[in-house]
């Protein structure tokens, strides 16, 4: 083989020796030289194999892990991305749902698999919220490598039709007139919706009782029925209910209005200056994944999200596409978000379920 050309010409005669010569200085030096050459050859061959593997990536199907059950905005985003990635990379991308513990189960599952780029993790803002709520068996900044930010997922204030408020200011006035008597729903303690609601109450000095649910669906049912006064779900999870007139939307939580519902003001525009708290969806891989593979995935995903067709699909389900951030910029964004979430958790003494 060509790789072993440096060793050509070494016959068995050259290694044959008389036991009495084992202490001979020349013989020992010859052995050391041959071993050194062999080690040098292996050092060259092994990295070459890694480079070839990276250049051929992907050469087999990929897995995209989602930390929530089928049907939610994270699952919808993950499936859209999986389809587009499969077309771009020329390999199947299989979505695998691993719900539970606010994406902690999915996180541990991803970390149990090789850091080779074949397991992708589509994860929401819960990744940055969890460290503020509980001790984790992993470190999000050390054990995961960001690949891309797929999009911003605004939340919004929705109320049942039974509540007379036509604006956020009117809802806050009603809540202040009845401190502690009205309630708000969330899709789980420590969720983005929970933190956003507590931040809103803090900034307006209103008082409502928190009613956590195990998921968005059950919570929205009770809001529509009037059992709860308010909720801050993602626009993606409830835009159809608002458009069908089953819920009333008062304001969105992002700094800009949402493309899918441009007539709804931001919370800042509605009378709470400086308010901004959103969910988001990012793609991560296990730390230690070769940088060339991370870069290829990042570049491919940004190309996908930059396409008008894909952006329209995201906008339709209430997600604002994000195409600008490199992996290092995504890492900085997540650190900033984690600090913001931690501040709300501390100020409002929020506890996990």
C-alpha atoms as a PDB file:
ATOM      1  CA  UNK A   1       0.000   0.000   0.000  1.00  0.00           C
ATOM      2  CA  UNK A   2       1.232   3.469  -0.785  1.00  0.00           C
ATOM      3  CA  UNK A   3       0.783   4.679   2.776  1.00  0.00           C
ATOM      4  CA  UNK A   4       3.552   2.344   3.894  1.00  0.00           C
ATOM      5  CA  UNK A   5       6.137   3.258   1.231  1.00  0.00           C
ATOM      6  CA  UNK A   6       8.616   4.464   3.918  1.00  0.00           C
ATOM      7  CA  UNK A   7       8.852   0.885   5.157  1.00  0.00           C
ATOM      8  CA  UNK A   8       9.406  -0.721   1.778  1.00  0.00           C
ATOM      9  CA  UNK A   9      12.733  -2.500   1.439  1.00  0.00           C
ATOM     10  CA  UNK A  10      12.665  -3.784   5.013  1.00  0.00           C
ATOM     11  CA  UNK A  11      13.128  -7.539   4.660  1.00  0.00           C
ATOM     12  CA  UNK A  12      12.818 -10.098   7.385  1.00  0.00           C
ATOM     13  CA  UNK A  13      16.611 -10.459   7.243  1.00  0.00           C
ATOM     14  CA  UNK A  14      17.007  -6.954   8.514  1.00  0.00           C
ATOM     15  CA  UNK A  15      14.984  -7.819  11.628  1.00  0.00           C
ATOM     16  CA  UNK A  16      16.696 -11.205  12.195  1.00  0.00           C
ATOM     17  CA  UNK A  17      19.105 -11.062  15.077  1.00  0.00           C
ATOM     18  CA  UNK A  18      21.215 -13.215  17.312  1.00  0.00           C
ATOM     19  CA  UNK A  19      19.989 -13.096  20.926  1.00  0.00           C
ATOM     20  CA  UNK A  20      23.557 -12.285  21.935  1.00  0.00           C
ATOM     21  CA  UNK A  21      23.316  -9.018  20.007  1.00  0.00           C
ATOM     22  CA  UNK A  22      20.276  -7.653  21.871  1.00  0.00           C
ATOM     23  CA  UNK A  23      22.424  -5.307  23.887  1.00  0.00           C
ATOM     24  CA  UNK A  24      24.263  -4.039  20.855  1.00  0.00           C
ATOM     25  CA  UNK A  25      23.818  -0.260  20.611  1.00  0.00           C
ATOM     26  CA  UNK A  26      23.405  -0.248  16.816  1.00  0.00           C
ATOM     27  CA  UNK A  27      20.678  -2.847  16.910  1.00  0.00           C
ATOM     28  CA  UNK A  28      18.710  -0.914  19.532  1.00  0.00           C
ATOM     29  CA  UNK A  29      18.939   2.300  17.519  1.00  0.00           C
ATOM     30  CA  UNK A  30      17.714   0.478  14.409  1.00  0.00           C
ATOM     31  CA  UNK A  31      14.655  -0.835  16.266  1.00  0.00           C
ATOM     32  CA  UNK A  32      13.902   2.647  17.630  1.00  0.00           C
ATOM     33  CA  UNK A  33      14.142   4.096  14.117  1.00  0.00           C
ATOM     34  CA  UNK A  34      11.730   1.517  12.652  1.00  0.00           C
ATOM     35  CA  UNK A  35       9.220   2.023  15.474  1.00  0.00           C
ATOM     36  CA  UNK A  36       9.397   5.803  15.006  1.00  0.00           C
ATOM     37  CA  UNK A  37       8.719   5.474  11.280  1.00  0.00           C
ATOM     38  CA  UNK A  38       5.725   3.223  11.950  1.00  0.00           C
ATOM     39  CA  UNK A  39       4.327   5.691  14.498  1.00  0.00           C
ATOM     40  CA  UNK A  40       4.748   8.568  12.047  1.00  0.00           C
ATOM     41  CA  UNK A  41       2.898   6.639   9.347  1.00  0.00           C
ATOM     42  CA  UNK A  42      -0.010   5.906  11.705  1.00  0.00           C
ATOM     43  CA  UNK A  43      -0.146   9.543  12.818  1.00  0.00           C
ATOM     44  CA  UNK A  44      -0.561  10.572   9.190  1.00  0.00           C
ATOM     45  CA  UNK A  45      -3.072   7.887   8.256  1.00  0.00           C
ATOM     46  CA  UNK A  46      -5.525   8.344  11.171  1.00  0.00           C
ATOM     47  CA  UNK A  47      -6.148  12.109  10.661  1.00  0.00           C
ATOM     48  CA  UNK A  48      -6.457  11.459   6.955  1.00  0.00           C
ATOM     49  CA  UNK A  49      -9.248   9.005   7.708  1.00  0.00           C
ATOM     50  CA  UNK A  50     -11.030  11.634   9.830  1.00  0.00           C
ATOM     51  CA  UNK A  51     -10.730  14.239   7.059  1.00  0.00           C
ATOM     52  CA  UNK A  52     -12.172  11.816   4.512  1.00  0.00           C
ATOM     53  CA  UNK A  53     -15.082  11.026   6.883  1.00  0.00           C
ATOM     54  CA  UNK A  54     -15.806  14.738   7.341  1.00  0.00           C
ATOM     55  CA  UNK A  55     -15.613  15.433   3.612  1.00  0.00           C
ATOM     56  CA  UNK A  56     -18.106  12.641   2.936  1.00  0.00           C
ATOM     57  CA  UNK A  57     -20.517  13.808   5.667  1.00  0.00           C
ATOM     58  CA  UNK A  58     -23.229  12.706   5.743  1.00  0.00           C
ATOM     59  CA  UNK A  59     -22.791   9.197   4.391  1.00  0.00           C
ATOM     60  CA  UNK A  60     -25.747   7.671   6.239  1.00  0.00           C
ATOM     61  CA  UNK A  61     -29.124   8.736   7.700  1.00  0.00           C
ATOM     62  CA  UNK A  62     -29.272  11.408  10.404  1.00  0.00           C
ATOM     63  CA  UNK A  63     -31.446  11.638  13.508  1.00  0.00           C
ATOM     64  CA  UNK A  64     -33.156  14.851  14.635  1.00  0.00           C
ATOM     65  CA  UNK A  65     -34.221  14.738  18.280  1.00  0.00           C
ATOM     66  CA  UNK A  66     -37.113  16.909  19.509  1.00  0.00           C
ATOM     67  CA  UNK A  67     -37.646  17.316  23.251  1.00  0.00           C
ATOM     68  CA  UNK A  68     -41.430  17.653  23.054  1.00  0.00           C
ATOM     69  CA  UNK A  69     -44.331  15.427  21.964  1.00  0.00           C
ATOM     70  CA  UNK A  70     -45.639  15.553  18.384  1.00  0.00           C
ATOM     71  CA  UNK A  71     -47.997  18.418  17.596  1.00  0.00           C
ATOM     72  CA  UNK A  72     -46.344  21.432  19.227  1.00  0.00           C
ATOM     73  CA  UNK A  73     -44.393  24.267  17.625  1.00  0.00           C
ATOM     74  CA  UNK A  74     -41.024  22.612  18.364  1.00  0.00           C
ATOM     75  CA  UNK A  75     -42.146  19.414  16.696  1.00  0.00           C
ATOM     76  CA  UNK A  76     -43.555  21.304  13.709  1.00  0.00           C
ATOM     77  CA  UNK A  77     -40.317  23.252  13.269  1.00  0.00           C
ATOM     78  CA  UNK A  78     -38.218  20.104  13.629  1.00  0.00           C
ATOM     79  CA  UNK A  79     -40.204  18.251  10.985  1.00  0.00           C
ATOM     80  CA  UNK A  80     -40.021  21.146   8.536  1.00  0.00           C
ATOM     81  CA  UNK A  81     -36.262  21.285   9.026  1.00  0.00           C
ATOM     82  CA  UNK A  82     -35.830  17.513   8.763  1.00  0.00           C
ATOM     83  CA  UNK A  83     -37.577  17.435   5.389  1.00  0.00           C
ATOM     84  CA  UNK A  84     -35.527  20.337   4.023  1.00  0.00           C
ATOM     85  CA  UNK A  85     -32.244  18.959   5.398  1.00  0.00           C
ATOM     86  CA  UNK A  86     -32.891  15.573   3.852  1.00  0.00           C
ATOM     87  CA  UNK A  87     -33.312  17.173   0.449  1.00  0.00           C
ATOM     88  CA  UNK A  88     -30.156  19.296   0.853  1.00  0.00           C
ATOM     89  CA  UNK A  89     -27.873  16.630   2.313  1.00  0.00           C
ATOM     90  CA  UNK A  90     -29.107  13.704   0.260  1.00  0.00           C
ATOM     91  CA  UNK A  91     -29.716  11.513   3.319  1.00  0.00           C
ATOM     92  CA  UNK A  92     -32.879  10.720   5.316  1.00  0.00           C
ATOM     93  CA  UNK A  93     -33.322  12.812   8.473  1.00  0.00           C
ATOM     94  CA  UNK A  94     -35.536  10.947  10.937  1.00  0.00           C
ATOM     95  CA  UNK A  95     -37.378  12.901  13.651  1.00  0.00           C
ATOM     96  CA  UNK A  96     -37.322  11.254  17.065  1.00  0.00           C
ATOM     97  CA  UNK A  97     -39.488  12.735  19.851  1.00  0.00           C
ATOM     98  CA  UNK A  98     -38.075  12.410  23.373  1.00  0.00           C
ATOM     99  CA  UNK A  99     -40.466  14.432  25.571  1.00  0.00           C
ATOM    100  CA  UNK A 100     -40.181  14.947  29.298  1.00  0.00           C
ATOM    101  CA  UNK A 101     -38.692  17.137  32.055  1.00  0.00           C
ATOM    102  CA  UNK A 102     -38.676  20.286  29.923  1.00  0.00           C
ATOM    103  CA  UNK A 103     -36.255  18.738  27.344  1.00  0.00           C
ATOM    104  CA  UNK A 104     -33.851  17.319  29.966  1.00  0.00           C
ATOM    105  CA  UNK A 105     -34.624  13.741  28.898  1.00  0.00           C
ATOM    106  CA  UNK A 106     -33.919  14.613  25.276  1.00  0.00           C
ATOM    107  CA  UNK A 107     -30.721  16.420  26.266  1.00  0.00           C
ATOM    108  CA  UNK A 108     -29.387  13.392  28.119  1.00  0.00           C
ATOM    109  CA  UNK A 109     -30.330  11.142  25.226  1.00  0.00           C
ATOM    110  CA  UNK A 110     -28.389  13.287  22.758  1.00  0.00           C
ATOM    111  CA  UNK A 111     -25.376  13.314  25.084  1.00  0.00           C
ATOM    112  CA  UNK A 112     -25.423   9.501  25.226  1.00  0.00           C
ATOM    113  CA  UNK A 113     -24.776   9.270  21.477  1.00  0.00           C
ATOM    114  CA  UNK A 114     -21.523   9.853  19.544  1.00  0.00           C
ATOM    115  CA  UNK A 115     -20.373  13.404  18.783  1.00  0.00           C
ATOM    116  CA  UNK A 116     -20.248  12.750  15.054  1.00  0.00           C
ATOM    117  CA  UNK A 117     -22.890  15.127  13.674  1.00  0.00           C
ATOM    118  CA  UNK A 118     -25.380  12.373  12.906  1.00  0.00           C
ATOM    119  CA  UNK A 119     -27.561  13.246  15.922  1.00  0.00           C
ATOM    120  CA  UNK A 120     -29.075  16.732  15.727  1.00  0.00           C
ATOM    121  CA  UNK A 121     -30.961  18.343  18.601  1.00  0.00           C
ATOM    122  CA  UNK A 122     -33.789  20.739  17.775  1.00  0.00           C
ATOM    123  CA  UNK A 123     -34.263  22.445  21.112  1.00  0.00           C
ATOM    124  CA  UNK A 124     -36.253  25.423  22.342  1.00  0.00           C
ATOM    125  CA  UNK A 125     -35.472  28.175  24.836  1.00  0.00           C
ATOM    126  CA  UNK A 126     -35.963  25.590  27.604  1.00  0.00           C
ATOM    127  CA  UNK A 127     -32.275  24.794  27.068  1.00  0.00           C
ATOM    128  CA  UNK A 128     -31.429  28.229  28.507  1.00  0.00           C
ATOM    129  CA  UNK A 129     -34.183  28.209  31.146  1.00  0.00           C
ATOM    130  CA  UNK A 130     -33.391  24.874  32.805  1.00  0.00           C
ATOM    131  CA  UNK A 131     -30.071  25.901  34.441  1.00  0.00           C
ATOM    132  CA  UNK A 132     -31.870  28.636  36.393  1.00  0.00           C
ATOM    133  CA  UNK A 133     -34.467  26.219  37.754  1.00  0.00           C
ATOM    134  CA  UNK A 134     -32.632  23.050  38.733  1.00  0.00           C
ATOM    135  CA  UNK A 135     -29.319  21.274  39.045  1.00  0.00           C
ATOM    136  CA  UNK A 136     -28.583  19.595  35.736  1.00  0.00           C
ATOM    137  CA  UNK A 137     -26.499  16.493  34.995  1.00  0.00           C
ATOM    138  CA  UNK A 138     -24.854  18.422  32.162  1.00  0.00           C
ATOM    139  CA  UNK A 139     -23.559  21.896  31.300  1.00  0.00           C
ATOM    140  CA  UNK A 140     -25.350  23.512  28.354  1.00  0.00           C
ATOM    141  CA  UNK A 141     -22.356  25.679  27.445  1.00  0.00           C
ATOM    142  CA  UNK A 142     -19.804  22.858  27.602  1.00  0.00           C
ATOM    143  CA  UNK A 143     -21.723  19.762  26.529  1.00  0.00           C
ATOM    144  CA  UNK A 144     -23.554  21.183  23.501  1.00  0.00           C
ATOM    145  CA  UNK A 145     -22.343  23.055  20.436  1.00  0.00           C
ATOM    146  CA  UNK A 146     -24.800  25.466  18.764  1.00  0.00           C
ATOM    147  CA  UNK A 147     -25.227  25.001  15.024  1.00  0.00           C
ATOM    148  CA  UNK A 148     -27.919  27.532  14.098  1.00  0.00           C
ATOM    149  CA  UNK A 149     -30.790  29.604  15.420  1.00  0.00           C
ATOM    150  CA  UNK A 150     -33.826  28.591  13.383  1.00  0.00           C
ATOM    151  CA  UNK A 151     -36.237  31.280  14.460  1.00  0.00           C
ATOM    152  CA  UNK A 152     -37.729  33.459  17.171  1.00  0.00           C
ATOM    153  CA  UNK A 153     -41.028  32.217  18.602  1.00  0.00           C
ATOM    154  CA  UNK A 154     -43.028  35.129  20.009  1.00  0.00           C
ATOM    155  CA  UNK A 155     -45.551  34.606  22.779  1.00  0.00           C
ATOM    156  CA  UNK A 156     -48.718  36.612  23.174  1.00  0.00           C
ATOM    157  CA  UNK A 157     -51.311  37.530  25.758  1.00  0.00           C
ATOM    158  CA  UNK A 158     -54.580  35.713  25.022  1.00  0.00           C
ATOM    159  CA  UNK A 159     -57.819  35.801  26.971  1.00  0.00           C
ATOM    160  CA  UNK A 160     -61.197  34.063  26.692  1.00  0.00           C
ATOM    161  CA  UNK A 161     -64.069  35.860  25.007  1.00  0.00           C
ATOM    162  CA  UNK A 162     -65.844  35.954  28.375  1.00  0.00           C
ATOM    163  CA  UNK A 163     -63.344  38.557  29.658  1.00  0.00           C
ATOM    164  CA  UNK A 164     -64.457  42.045  28.640  1.00  0.00           C
ATOM    165  CA  UNK A 165     -60.980  43.537  28.162  1.00  0.00           C
ATOM    166  CA  UNK A 166     -60.298  44.741  24.603  1.00  0.00           C
ATOM    167  CA  UNK A 167     -56.702  45.767  25.260  1.00  0.00           C
ATOM    168  CA  UNK A 168     -53.786  44.821  27.480  1.00  0.00           C
ATOM    169  CA  UNK A 169     -54.237  48.018  29.490  1.00  0.00           C
ATOM    170  CA  UNK A 170     -57.864  47.069  30.229  1.00  0.00           C
ATOM    171  CA  UNK A 171     -56.846  43.543  31.291  1.00  0.00           C
ATOM    172  CA  UNK A 172     -54.192  44.909  33.664  1.00  0.00           C
ATOM    173  CA  UNK A 173     -56.716  47.345  35.127  1.00  0.00           C
ATOM    174  CA  UNK A 174     -59.173  44.472  35.786  1.00  0.00           C
ATOM    175  CA  UNK A 175     -56.403  42.422  37.435  1.00  0.00           C
ATOM    176  CA  UNK A 176     -55.315  45.314  39.650  1.00  0.00           C
ATOM    177  CA  UNK A 177     -58.898  45.868  40.776  1.00  0.00           C
ATOM    178  CA  UNK A 178     -59.086  42.229  41.937  1.00  0.00           C
ATOM    179  CA  UNK A 179     -55.600  41.376  43.250  1.00  0.00           C
ATOM    180  CA  UNK A 180     -55.046  37.650  43.603  1.00  0.00           C
ATOM    181  CA  UNK A 181     -58.506  36.714  42.350  1.00  0.00           C
ATOM    182  CA  UNK A 182     -57.792  36.217  38.659  1.00  0.00           C
ATOM    183  CA  UNK A 183     -55.586  33.448  37.290  1.00  0.00           C
ATOM    184  CA  UNK A 184     -53.289  32.778  34.377  1.00  0.00           C
ATOM    185  CA  UNK A 185     -52.376  29.474  32.767  1.00  0.00           C
ATOM    186  CA  UNK A 186     -49.001  28.227  31.580  1.00  0.00           C
ATOM    187  CA  UNK A 187     -47.860  25.116  29.749  1.00  0.00           C
ATOM    188  CA  UNK A 188     -45.687  24.148  32.731  1.00  0.00           C
ATOM    189  CA  UNK A 189     -43.808  25.709  35.622  1.00  0.00           C
ATOM    190  CA  UNK A 190     -40.575  27.185  34.349  1.00  0.00           C
ATOM    191  CA  UNK A 191     -41.754  27.335  30.741  1.00  0.00           C
ATOM    192  CA  UNK A 192     -41.180  30.432  28.632  1.00  0.00           C
ATOM    193  CA  UNK A 193     -44.889  31.216  28.945  1.00  0.00           C
ATOM    194  CA  UNK A 194     -44.681  31.052  32.729  1.00  0.00           C
ATOM    195  CA  UNK A 195     -41.634  33.333  32.877  1.00  0.00           C
ATOM    196  CA  UNK A 196     -43.146  35.807  30.403  1.00  0.00           C
ATOM    197  CA  UNK A 197     -46.374  36.025  32.416  1.00  0.00           C
ATOM    198  CA  UNK A 198     -44.470  36.626  35.670  1.00  0.00           C
ATOM    199  CA  UNK A 199     -42.337  39.275  33.967  1.00  0.00           C
ATOM    200  CA  UNK A 200     -45.495  41.014  32.723  1.00  0.00           C
ATOM    201  CA  UNK A 201     -47.101  40.945  36.190  1.00  0.00           C
ATOM    202  CA  UNK A 202     -43.894  42.274  37.727  1.00  0.00           C
ATOM    203  CA  UNK A 203     -43.584  45.165  35.266  1.00  0.00           C
ATOM    204  CA  UNK A 204     -47.266  46.147  35.616  1.00  0.00           C
ATOM    205  CA  UNK A 205     -47.534  45.426  39.365  1.00  0.00           C
ATOM    206  CA  UNK A 206     -50.594  43.277  38.758  1.00  0.00           C
ATOM    207  CA  UNK A 207     -51.381  40.115  40.726  1.00  0.00           C
ATOM    208  CA  UNK A 208     -52.729  36.838  39.300  1.00  0.00           C
ATOM    209  CA  UNK A 209     -52.565  33.225  40.473  1.00  0.00           C
ATOM    210  CA  UNK A 210     -50.474  30.835  38.392  1.00  0.00           C
ATOM    211  CA  UNK A 211     -52.181  27.643  37.176  1.00  0.00           C
ATOM    212  CA  UNK A 212     -49.627  25.311  35.524  1.00  0.00           C
ATOM    213  CA  UNK A 213     -50.743  22.651  33.049  1.00  0.00           C
ATOM    214  CA  UNK A 214     -48.961  19.663  31.545  1.00  0.00           C
ATOM    215  CA  UNK A 215     -48.849  21.008  28.041  1.00  0.00           C
ATOM    216  CA  UNK A 216     -50.252  23.790  25.893  1.00  0.00           C
ATOM    217  CA  UNK A 217     -53.352  21.941  24.682  1.00  0.00           C
ATOM    218  CA  UNK A 218     -55.062  21.385  28.067  1.00  0.00           C
ATOM    219  CA  UNK A 219     -54.227  24.942  29.143  1.00  0.00           C
ATOM    220  CA  UNK A 220     -55.739  26.493  26.021  1.00  0.00           C
ATOM    221  CA  UNK A 221     -58.925  24.457  26.468  1.00  0.00           C
ATOM    222  CA  UNK A 222     -59.453  25.914  29.937  1.00  0.00           C
ATOM    223  CA  UNK A 223     -58.645  29.444  28.760  1.00  0.00           C
ATOM    224  CA  UNK A 224     -61.243  29.149  25.996  1.00  0.00           C
ATOM    225  CA  UNK A 225     -63.719  27.849  28.575  1.00  0.00           C
ATOM    226  CA  UNK A 226     -63.118  30.827  30.840  1.00  0.00           C
ATOM    227  CA  UNK A 227     -61.743  28.775  33.759  1.00  0.00           C
ATOM    228  CA  UNK A 228     -58.542  30.843  33.539  1.00  0.00           C
ATOM    229  CA  UNK A 229     -58.304  34.564  32.776  1.00  0.00           C
ATOM    230  CA  UNK A 230     -55.119  34.778  30.735  1.00  0.00           C
ATOM    231  CA  UNK A 231     -52.324  32.804  29.120  1.00  0.00           C
ATOM    232  CA  UNK A 232     -49.112  33.570  27.241  1.00  0.00           C
ATOM    233  CA  UNK A 233     -48.706  30.676  24.786  1.00  0.00           C
ATOM    234  CA  UNK A 234     -46.560  30.828  21.676  1.00  0.00           C
ATOM    235  CA  UNK A 235     -48.180  32.468  18.673  1.00  0.00           C
ATOM    236  CA  UNK A 236     -47.388  29.268  16.770  1.00  0.00           C
ATOM    237  CA  UNK A 237     -49.457  27.091  19.112  1.00  0.00           C
ATOM    238  CA  UNK A 238     -52.580  29.252  19.188  1.00  0.00           C
ATOM    239  CA  UNK A 239     -52.750  31.472  16.086  1.00  0.00           C
ATOM    240  CA  UNK A 240     -55.497  29.329  14.535  1.00  0.00           C
ATOM    241  CA  UNK A 241     -57.659  29.675  17.669  1.00  0.00           C
ATOM    242  CA  UNK A 242     -57.341  33.464  17.568  1.00  0.00           C
ATOM    243  CA  UNK A 243     -58.110  33.630  13.848  1.00  0.00           C
ATOM    244  CA  UNK A 244     -61.167  31.426  14.406  1.00  0.00           C
ATOM    245  CA  UNK A 245     -62.413  33.787  17.131  1.00  0.00           C
ATOM    246  CA  UNK A 246     -62.090  31.247  19.946  1.00  0.00           C
ATOM    247  CA  UNK A 247     -59.570  33.412  21.818  1.00  0.00           C
ATOM    248  CA  UNK A 248     -58.778  37.127  21.878  1.00  0.00           C
ATOM    249  CA  UNK A 249     -55.141  38.213  21.461  1.00  0.00           C
ATOM    250  CA  UNK A 250     -54.088  41.478  23.097  1.00  0.00           C
ATOM    251  CA  UNK A 251     -50.333  41.859  22.520  1.00  0.00           C
ATOM    252  CA  UNK A 252     -47.210  39.962  21.435  1.00  0.00           C
ATOM    253  CA  UNK A 253     -44.099  39.553  23.586  1.00  0.00           C
ATOM    254  CA  UNK A 254     -41.438  40.271  20.948  1.00  0.00           C
ATOM    255  CA  UNK A 255     -39.776  43.619  20.277  1.00  0.00           C
ATOM    256  CA  UNK A 256     -41.381  43.731  16.814  1.00  0.00           C
ATOM    257  CA  UNK A 257     -44.820  42.805  15.560  1.00  0.00           C
ATOM    258  CA  UNK A 258     -45.267  39.268  14.270  1.00  0.00           C
ATOM    259  CA  UNK A 259     -45.539  38.683  10.532  1.00  0.00           C
ATOM    260  CA  UNK A 260     -48.406  36.202  10.910  1.00  0.00           C
ATOM    261  CA  UNK A 261     -50.537  38.673  12.935  1.00  0.00           C
ATOM    262  CA  UNK A 262     -49.298  42.193  12.065  1.00  0.00           C
ATOM    263  CA  UNK A 263     -52.358  43.920  13.554  1.00  0.00           C
ATOM    264  CA  UNK A 264     -51.543  42.776  17.091  1.00  0.00           C
ATOM    265  CA  UNK A 265     -49.352  45.330  18.949  1.00  0.00           C
ATOM    266  CA  UNK A 266     -46.280  44.430  20.961  1.00  0.00           C
ATOM    267  CA  UNK A 267     -46.560  44.494  24.744  1.00  0.00           C
ATOM    268  CA  UNK A 268     -44.237  47.503  24.724  1.00  0.00           C
ATOM    269  CA  UNK A 269     -46.558  49.295  22.293  1.00  0.00           C
ATOM    270  CA  UNK A 270     -49.531  48.298  24.440  1.00  0.00           C
ATOM    271  CA  UNK A 271     -48.246  50.224  27.462  1.00  0.00           C
ATOM    272  CA  UNK A 272     -45.380  48.223  29.029  1.00  0.00           C
ATOM    273  CA  UNK A 273     -42.170  49.872  27.715  1.00  0.00           C
ATOM    274  CA  UNK A 274     -39.087  47.681  27.546  1.00  0.00           C
ATOM    275  CA  UNK A 275     -40.932  44.370  27.679  1.00  0.00           C
ATOM    276  CA  UNK A 276     -39.441  41.614  25.540  1.00  0.00           C
ATOM    277  CA  UNK A 277     -39.301  37.902  26.254  1.00  0.00           C
ATOM    278  CA  UNK A 278     -39.589  35.275  23.546  1.00  0.00           C
ATOM    279  CA  UNK A 279     -39.090  31.599  22.966  1.00  0.00           C
ATOM    280  CA  UNK A 280     -36.852  30.366  20.170  1.00  0.00           C
ATOM    281  CA  UNK A 281     -35.782  27.239  18.391  1.00  0.00           C
ATOM    282  CA  UNK A 282     -32.153  26.291  17.831  1.00  0.00           C
ATOM    283  CA  UNK A 283     -30.219  23.345  16.458  1.00  0.00           C
ATOM    284  CA  UNK A 284     -27.490  21.862  18.621  1.00  0.00           C
ATOM    285  CA  UNK A 285     -25.075  18.951  18.420  1.00  0.00           C
ATOM    286  CA  UNK A 286     -23.042  17.254  21.085  1.00  0.00           C
ATOM    287  CA  UNK A 287     -19.819  19.079  21.986  1.00  0.00           C
ATOM    288  CA  UNK A 288     -16.811  17.479  20.362  1.00  0.00           C
ATOM    289  CA  UNK A 289     -18.457  17.222  16.966  1.00  0.00           C
ATOM    290  CA  UNK A 290     -15.776  18.022  14.333  1.00  0.00           C
ATOM    291  CA  UNK A 291     -15.810  21.770  13.522  1.00  0.00           C
ATOM    292  CA  UNK A 292     -15.958  21.073   9.777  1.00  0.00           C
ATOM    293  CA  UNK A 293     -19.201  19.140  10.261  1.00  0.00           C
ATOM    294  CA  UNK A 294     -20.678  21.863  12.510  1.00  0.00           C
ATOM    295  CA  UNK A 295     -19.831  24.464   9.868  1.00  0.00           C
ATOM    296  CA  UNK A 296     -21.341  22.389   7.060  1.00  0.00           C
ATOM    297  CA  UNK A 297     -24.565  21.877   9.011  1.00  0.00           C
ATOM    298  CA  UNK A 298     -24.732  25.557   9.966  1.00  0.00           C
ATOM    299  CA  UNK A 299     -24.168  26.720   6.402  1.00  0.00           C
ATOM    300  CA  UNK A 300     -26.766  24.284   5.054  1.00  0.00           C
ATOM    301  CA  UNK A 301     -29.403  25.288   7.610  1.00  0.00           C
ATOM    302  CA  UNK A 302     -28.880  29.006   7.016  1.00  0.00           C
ATOM    303  CA  UNK A 303     -29.337  28.380   3.285  1.00  0.00           C
ATOM    304  CA  UNK A 304     -32.585  26.526   4.016  1.00  0.00           C
ATOM    305  CA  UNK A 305     -33.965  29.201   6.348  1.00  0.00           C
ATOM    306  CA  UNK A 306     -32.965  31.935   3.884  1.00  0.00           C
ATOM    307  CA  UNK A 307     -35.230  30.549   1.187  1.00  0.00           C
ATOM    308  CA  UNK A 308     -38.511  32.399   0.729  1.00  0.00           C
ATOM    309  CA  UNK A 309     -40.467  29.143   0.621  1.00  0.00           C
ATOM    310  CA  UNK A 310     -39.143  27.903   3.969  1.00  0.00           C
ATOM    311  CA  UNK A 311     -39.589  31.303   5.592  1.00  0.00           C
ATOM    312  CA  UNK A 312     -43.232  31.381   4.561  1.00  0.00           C
ATOM    313  CA  UNK A 313     -43.734  27.971   6.157  1.00  0.00           C
ATOM    314  CA  UNK A 314     -42.268  29.232   9.432  1.00  0.00           C
ATOM    315  CA  UNK A 315     -44.202  32.505   9.347  1.00  0.00           C
ATOM    316  CA  UNK A 316     -47.424  30.593   8.714  1.00  0.00           C
ATOM    317  CA  UNK A 317     -47.045  28.792  12.035  1.00  0.00           C
ATOM    318  CA  UNK A 318     -46.008  31.950  13.922  1.00  0.00           C
ATOM    319  CA  UNK A 319     -42.214  31.661  13.870  1.00  0.00           C
ATOM    320  CA  UNK A 320     -40.005  34.557  12.813  1.00  0.00           C
ATOM    321  CA  UNK A 321     -37.110  33.104  10.729  1.00  0.00           C
ATOM    322  CA  UNK A 322     -33.520  33.830  11.766  1.00  0.00           C
ATOM    323  CA  UNK A 323     -30.727  33.466   9.207  1.00  0.00           C
ATOM    324  CA  UNK A 324     -27.907  35.773  10.293  1.00  0.00           C
ATOM    325  CA  UNK A 325     -26.234  34.042  13.233  1.00  0.00           C
ATOM    326  CA  UNK A 326     -23.098  31.928  12.977  1.00  0.00           C
ATOM    327  CA  UNK A 327     -22.549  29.142  15.554  1.00  0.00           C
ATOM    328  CA  UNK A 328     -20.459  31.460  17.763  1.00  0.00           C
ATOM    329  CA  UNK A 329     -23.142  34.160  17.569  1.00  0.00           C
ATOM    330  CA  UNK A 330     -25.822  31.625  18.503  1.00  0.00           C
ATOM    331  CA  UNK A 331     -23.743  30.642  21.539  1.00  0.00           C
ATOM    332  CA  UNK A 332     -23.524  34.313  22.608  1.00  0.00           C
ATOM    333  CA  UNK A 333     -27.283  34.753  22.074  1.00  0.00           C
ATOM    334  CA  UNK A 334     -28.088  31.722  24.236  1.00  0.00           C
ATOM    335  CA  UNK A 335     -25.795  32.966  27.030  1.00  0.00           C
ATOM    336  CA  UNK A 336     -27.615  36.317  26.967  1.00  0.00           C
ATOM    337  CA  UNK A 337     -31.023  34.611  27.021  1.00  0.00           C
ATOM    338  CA  UNK A 338     -29.968  32.377  29.918  1.00  0.00           C
ATOM    339  CA  UNK A 339     -29.029  35.465  31.943  1.00  0.00           C
ATOM    340  CA  UNK A 340     -32.395  37.086  31.200  1.00  0.00           C
ATOM    341  CA  UNK A 341     -34.348  33.974  32.193  1.00  0.00           C
ATOM    342  CA  UNK A 342     -32.274  33.545  35.356  1.00  0.00           C
ATOM    343  CA  UNK A 343     -33.058  37.118  36.400  1.00  0.00           C
ATOM    344  CA  UNK A 344     -36.834  36.539  36.079  1.00  0.00           C
ATOM    345  CA  UNK A 345     -36.587  33.237  37.967  1.00  0.00           C
ATOM    346  CA  UNK A 346     -34.703  34.890  40.826  1.00  0.00           C
ATOM    347  CA  UNK A 347     -36.865  38.038  41.037  1.00  0.00           C
ATOM    348  CA  UNK A 348     -40.140  36.103  41.022  1.00  0.00           C
ATOM    349  CA  UNK A 349     -38.881  33.133  43.045  1.00  0.00           C
ATOM    350  CA  UNK A 350     -40.018  30.686  40.370  1.00  0.00           C
ATOM    351  CA  UNK A 351     -39.715  26.979  41.122  1.00  0.00           C
ATOM    352  CA  UNK A 352     -39.726  24.012  38.771  1.00  0.00           C
ATOM    353  CA  UNK A 353     -42.437  21.351  39.021  1.00  0.00           C
END
